[in-house]
Amino acid sequence: MAKLVLGFNGRTLHVYPLDRETLTIGRKADNDIHIDNLAVSGNHAKILTILNDSFIEDLDSTNGTYINGEKINRHALQNGEIIAIGKHELKYVNDAADASTGNFEKTMVIRPDAAGMPEQDETGTNLEKHIGKIASDLASAGTADSEDTDAASLKFLSGANRGKDLNLTRILTTLGKPGVQVAAITRRPTGYYLIAVDAASSPSNPMVNGVEIGQQAQPLKHGDEVDVAGIKMRFSL
């Protein structure tokens, strides 16, 4: 799992695992990473983690956020990079490139066609690259925190999980049948969207209300019927 190592004057103060999608940094005590220093704004920056990747965004702070000495607004973090906030430093550590660690978050696809909706590991496949690109684009475009967007769910209308619900609690939820058809549902400030990730052996993209979606993200409305890999689901807000 990726982590941030907080330091000051060459001394390590704390280690923060990036075990949630969003962590806030700032001088106010209610931040996930609390830095009590006048050079740090009350709400200074936030870290967004989607799958294996983490991104930092400056929240219009007074003194700015710096990566390796350069001021940034939004930045995709790389293993070993140093984030400077005031006089404090946060080192980003992500050993995801080292498969031998086995501890980092894997790229998983929910299987709605199988009983219990198991997640299939797609780490190290071409499908992971497609999903990673969507995660990067999503972070660059800006995302919604859970409290900013209405809660949503999918109710399965067919298949082994008929009648069950899947709560959409993540910024990016991937589902389908790898090798047949995979889609992603993303949570954004403007709502939820369905994206075709990989059609593989399927002759068409996923469908919304019986109409095939294109390559652009398809906005979802309450009551929409979604079809991915032959499994029908109803989207609810």
Protein backbone atom coordinates (compact mmCIF):
# COMPACT_ATOMS: atom_id res chain seq x y z
CA MET A 1 0.00 0.00 0.00
CA ALA A 2 1.24 3.48 -0.86
CA LYS A 3 2.05 5.84 2.01
CA LEU A 4 3.17 9.36 2.87
CA VAL A 5 6.07 9.91 5.26
CA LEU A 6 5.84 13.25 7.06
CA GLY A 7 9.16 14.83 7.98
CA PHE A 8 10.50 18.06 9.45
CA ASN A 9 14.16 19.14 9.51
CA GLY A 10 15.27 15.66 8.45
CA ARG A 11 13.27 13.94 11.21
CA THR A 12 10.38 11.54 10.49
CA LEU A 13 7.24 12.58 12.35
CA HIS A 14 4.59 10.17 11.10
CA VAL A 15 3.73 7.63 8.39
CA TYR A 16 0.30 7.80 6.77
CA PRO A 17 -0.95 4.80 4.73
CA LEU A 18 -3.05 5.85 1.73
CA ASP A 19 -5.84 3.47 2.64
CA ARG A 20 -8.70 5.77 1.62
CA GLU A 21 -9.61 7.45 -1.64
CA THR A 22 -9.23 10.96 -0.23
CA LEU A 23 -6.95 12.35 2.51
CA THR A 24 -6.79 16.05 3.36
CA ILE A 25 -3.71 17.98 4.49
CA GLY A 26 -3.78 21.22 6.45
CA ARG A 27 -3.38 23.21 9.66
CA LYS A 28 -6.96 22.65 10.86
CA ALA A 29 -7.24 19.79 13.33
CA ASP A 30 -9.93 17.98 11.33
CA ASN A 31 -7.54 17.21 8.45
CA ASP A 32 -6.41 13.61 7.95
CA ILE A 33 -2.82 14.86 7.90
CA HIS A 34 -2.66 17.64 10.48
CA ILE A 35 0.35 19.98 10.21
CA ASP A 36 0.23 22.61 12.95
CA ASN A 37 2.37 25.30 11.34
CA LEU A 38 1.49 28.88 10.31
CA ALA A 39 3.06 28.33 6.88
CA VAL A 40 0.36 25.70 6.20
CA SER A 41 -3.17 26.75 5.20
CA GLY A 42 -6.17 25.49 7.14
CA ASN A 43 -7.16 23.29 4.19
CA HIS A 44 -3.95 23.14 2.19
CA ALA A 45 -4.09 20.13 -0.15
CA LYS A 46 -5.67 16.75 -0.67
CA ILE A 47 -4.45 13.36 -1.86
CA LEU A 48 -6.68 11.33 -4.16
CA THR A 49 -5.91 7.62 -4.54
CA ILE A 50 -7.58 5.63 -7.32
CA LEU A 51 -6.51 1.99 -7.72
CA ASN A 52 -2.70 2.01 -7.70
CA ASP A 53 -2.24 5.71 -8.43
CA SER A 54 -2.23 8.77 -6.15
CA PHE A 55 -2.68 12.41 -7.11
CA ILE A 56 -2.17 15.58 -5.07
CA GLU A 57 -4.21 18.74 -5.53
CA ASP A 58 -3.48 22.12 -3.98
CA LEU A 59 -6.61 23.66 -2.42
CA ASP A 60 -5.79 27.30 -3.25
CA SER A 61 -3.36 27.44 -0.34
CA THR A 62 -1.64 30.69 0.59
CA ASN A 63 1.95 29.47 0.28
CA GLY A 64 1.44 26.77 -2.34
CA THR A 65 2.31 23.09 -2.67
CA TYR A 66 5.64 22.06 -4.20
CA ILE A 67 6.86 18.81 -5.76
CA ASN A 68 10.60 18.47 -6.02
CA GLY A 69 10.88 22.27 -5.78
CA GLU A 70 8.20 23.14 -8.38
CA LYS A 71 4.84 24.67 -7.49
CA ILE A 72 1.88 22.56 -8.62
CA ASN A 73 -1.91 22.74 -8.76
CA ARG A 74 -2.58 19.06 -9.46
CA HIS A 75 0.05 16.37 -9.91
CA ALA A 76 0.25 12.58 -10.43
CA LEU A 77 2.64 11.33 -7.76
CA GLN A 78 5.61 9.10 -8.55
CA ASN A 79 7.39 6.83 -6.09
CA GLY A 80 9.98 8.78 -4.09
CA GLU A 81 8.74 12.28 -4.89
CA ILE A 82 8.91 14.91 -2.14
CA ILE A 83 5.91 17.14 -1.41
CA ALA A 84 6.83 20.40 0.33
CA ILE A 85 4.11 22.08 2.37
CA GLY A 86 5.41 25.02 4.36
CA LYS A 87 8.56 23.81 6.11
CA HIS A 88 7.34 20.21 6.25
CA GLU A 89 7.96 17.47 3.70
CA LEU A 90 5.87 14.48 2.71
CA LYS A 91 7.65 11.69 0.86
CA TYR A 92 5.42 9.59 -1.39
CA VAL A 93 6.30 5.89 -1.20
CA ASN A 94 4.59 3.43 -3.55
CA ASP A 95 6.19 0.06 -4.19
CA ALA A 96 3.47 -0.96 -6.65
CA ALA A 97 6.09 -1.42 -9.37
CA ASP A 98 7.69 -4.15 -7.26
CA ALA A 99 5.38 -7.11 -7.68
CA SER A 100 7.29 -9.03 -5.03
CA THR A 101 5.80 -6.89 -2.27
CA GLY A 102 2.27 -8.13 -2.94
CA ASN A 103 0.83 -5.50 -0.61
CA PHE A 104 -0.33 -2.77 -2.98
CA GLU A 105 -3.89 -2.40 -4.20
CA LYS A 106 -4.61 -4.64 -7.17
CA THR A 107 -6.73 -3.80 -10.19
CA MET A 108 -9.95 -5.68 -9.57
CA VAL A 109 -13.06 -6.17 -11.72
CA ILE A 110 -16.38 -7.06 -10.07
CA ARG A 111 -17.98 -10.09 -11.74
CA PRO A 112 -21.78 -9.50 -11.78
CA ASP A 113 -22.27 -12.77 -13.70
CA ALA A 114 -20.92 -14.90 -10.83
CA ALA A 115 -22.73 -15.60 -7.55
CA GLY A 116 -21.52 -13.35 -4.75
CA MET A 117 -20.05 -10.80 -7.18
CA PRO A 118 -16.38 -11.87 -6.69
CA GLU A 119 -13.61 -9.52 -7.78
CA GLN A 120 -11.20 -10.78 -10.44
CA ASP A 121 -7.59 -9.62 -10.33
CA GLU A 122 -6.55 -7.94 -13.58
CA THR A 123 -3.16 -6.67 -12.35
CA GLY A 124 -0.50 -7.02 -15.02
CA THR A 125 -2.93 -7.31 -17.94
CA ASN A 126 -3.72 -4.98 -20.84
CA LEU A 127 -7.09 -4.36 -19.21
CA GLU A 128 -5.30 -2.83 -16.20
CA LYS A 129 -3.70 -0.27 -18.53
CA HIS A 130 -7.11 0.81 -19.84
CA ILE A 131 -8.50 1.10 -16.31
CA GLY A 132 -5.40 2.99 -15.15
CA LYS A 133 -5.81 5.50 -17.99
CA ILE A 134 -9.42 6.13 -16.91
CA ALA A 135 -8.27 6.62 -13.31
CA SER A 136 -5.64 9.14 -14.41
CA ASP A 137 -8.09 11.06 -16.62
CA LEU A 138 -10.65 11.05 -13.81
CA ALA A 139 -8.20 12.56 -11.34
CA SER A 140 -7.03 15.18 -13.86
CA ALA A 141 -10.61 16.25 -14.55
CA GLY A 142 -11.47 16.57 -10.87
CA THR A 143 -13.51 14.13 -8.80
CA ALA A 144 -16.18 14.22 -6.15
CA ASP A 145 -15.69 13.36 -2.52
CA SER A 146 -18.34 10.99 -1.16
CA GLU A 147 -20.09 13.79 0.72
CA ASP A 148 -20.39 15.90 -2.46
CA THR A 149 -22.39 13.40 -4.52
CA ASP A 150 -25.59 11.51 -3.84
CA ALA A 151 -25.13 7.87 -2.86
CA ALA A 152 -25.85 5.45 -5.68
CA SER A 153 -26.32 1.73 -6.20
CA LEU A 154 -27.00 -0.93 -8.81
CA LYS A 155 -29.78 -3.51 -8.42
CA PHE A 156 -29.18 -6.69 -10.41
CA LEU A 157 -32.13 -7.59 -12.61
CA SER A 158 -30.67 -10.78 -14.12
CA GLY A 159 -27.93 -13.33 -13.59
CA ALA A 160 -26.72 -15.16 -10.51
CA ASN A 161 -27.07 -12.05 -8.31
CA ARG A 162 -30.60 -11.11 -9.36
CA GLY A 163 -32.30 -9.01 -6.67
CA LYS A 164 -29.06 -8.01 -4.94
CA ASP A 165 -27.68 -4.48 -4.63
CA LEU A 166 -24.17 -3.14 -5.22
CA ASN A 167 -23.42 0.17 -3.49
CA LEU A 168 -21.22 2.45 -5.60
CA THR A 169 -18.94 3.75 -2.86
CA ARG A 170 -15.77 4.17 -4.94
CA ILE A 171 -14.72 6.94 -7.28
CA LEU A 172 -14.10 4.23 -9.88
CA THR A 173 -15.98 0.92 -9.92
CA THR A 174 -15.09 -1.59 -12.65
CA LEU A 175 -17.43 -4.45 -13.44
CA GLY A 176 -18.10 -7.02 -16.15
CA LYS A 177 -16.58 -10.21 -17.45
CA PRO A 178 -12.90 -9.90 -18.46
CA GLY A 179 -12.44 -11.33 -21.93
CA VAL A 180 -16.05 -10.53 -22.80
CA GLN A 181 -16.97 -6.99 -21.74
CA VAL A 182 -15.84 -4.65 -18.95
CA ALA A 183 -17.21 -1.22 -18.01
CA ALA A 184 -16.48 1.38 -15.36
CA ILE A 185 -18.79 3.60 -13.35
CA THR A 186 -17.15 6.83 -12.20
CA ARG A 187 -18.31 9.25 -9.51
CA ARG A 188 -17.75 12.91 -10.43
CA PRO A 189 -18.90 16.29 -9.08
CA THR A 190 -21.63 16.31 -11.75
CA GLY A 191 -22.87 12.78 -11.06
CA TYR A 192 -22.21 9.18 -12.11
CA TYR A 193 -21.03 8.06 -15.56
CA LEU A 194 -20.71 4.73 -17.38
CA ILE A 195 -17.58 4.17 -19.50
CA ALA A 196 -16.80 1.30 -21.87
CA VAL A 197 -13.42 -0.12 -20.82
CA ASP A 198 -13.03 -3.20 -23.00
CA ALA A 199 -15.48 -4.94 -25.35
CA ALA A 200 -13.10 -7.89 -26.02
CA SER A 201 -15.23 -10.63 -27.61
CA SER A 202 -18.51 -8.73 -27.27
CA PRO A 203 -19.94 -7.36 -30.56
CA SER A 204 -21.05 -4.14 -28.84
CA ASN A 205 -20.35 -1.75 -25.98
CA PRO A 206 -22.38 -1.75 -22.74
CA MET A 207 -25.91 -0.39 -23.05
CA VAL A 208 -28.07 2.11 -21.17
CA ASN A 209 -31.84 1.71 -21.60
CA GLY A 210 -31.25 -0.61 -24.55
CA VAL A 211 -28.99 1.82 -26.43
CA GLU A 212 -25.29 1.07 -26.92
CA ILE A 213 -23.02 3.74 -25.40
CA GLY A 214 -20.18 5.26 -27.38
CA GLN A 215 -16.58 5.93 -26.41
CA GLN A 216 -17.52 8.98 -24.34
CA ALA A 217 -18.66 8.73 -20.74
CA GLN A 218 -22.43 8.21 -20.54
CA PRO A 219 -24.19 10.09 -17.70
CA LEU A 220 -26.48 7.93 -15.58
CA LYS A 221 -29.88 8.98 -14.27
CA HIS A 222 -31.99 7.48 -11.52
CA GLY A 223 -33.85 4.46 -12.92
CA ASP A 224 -31.57 3.86 -15.92
CA GLU A 225 -31.21 0.22 -16.94
CA VAL A 226 -27.59 -0.75 -17.55
CA ASP A 227 -26.44 -3.86 -19.43
CA VAL A 228 -22.81 -5.00 -19.01
CA ALA A 229 -21.61 -8.41 -20.27
CA GLY A 230 -25.22 -9.54 -20.63
CA ILE A 231 -26.18 -8.70 -17.02
CA LYS A 232 -28.97 -6.16 -16.55
CA MET A 233 -28.83 -3.71 -13.63
CA ARG A 234 -30.91 -0.73 -12.53
CA PHE A 235 -29.07 2.42 -11.44
CA SER A 236 -30.52 4.23 -8.43
CA LEU A 237 -29.69 7.46 -6.60
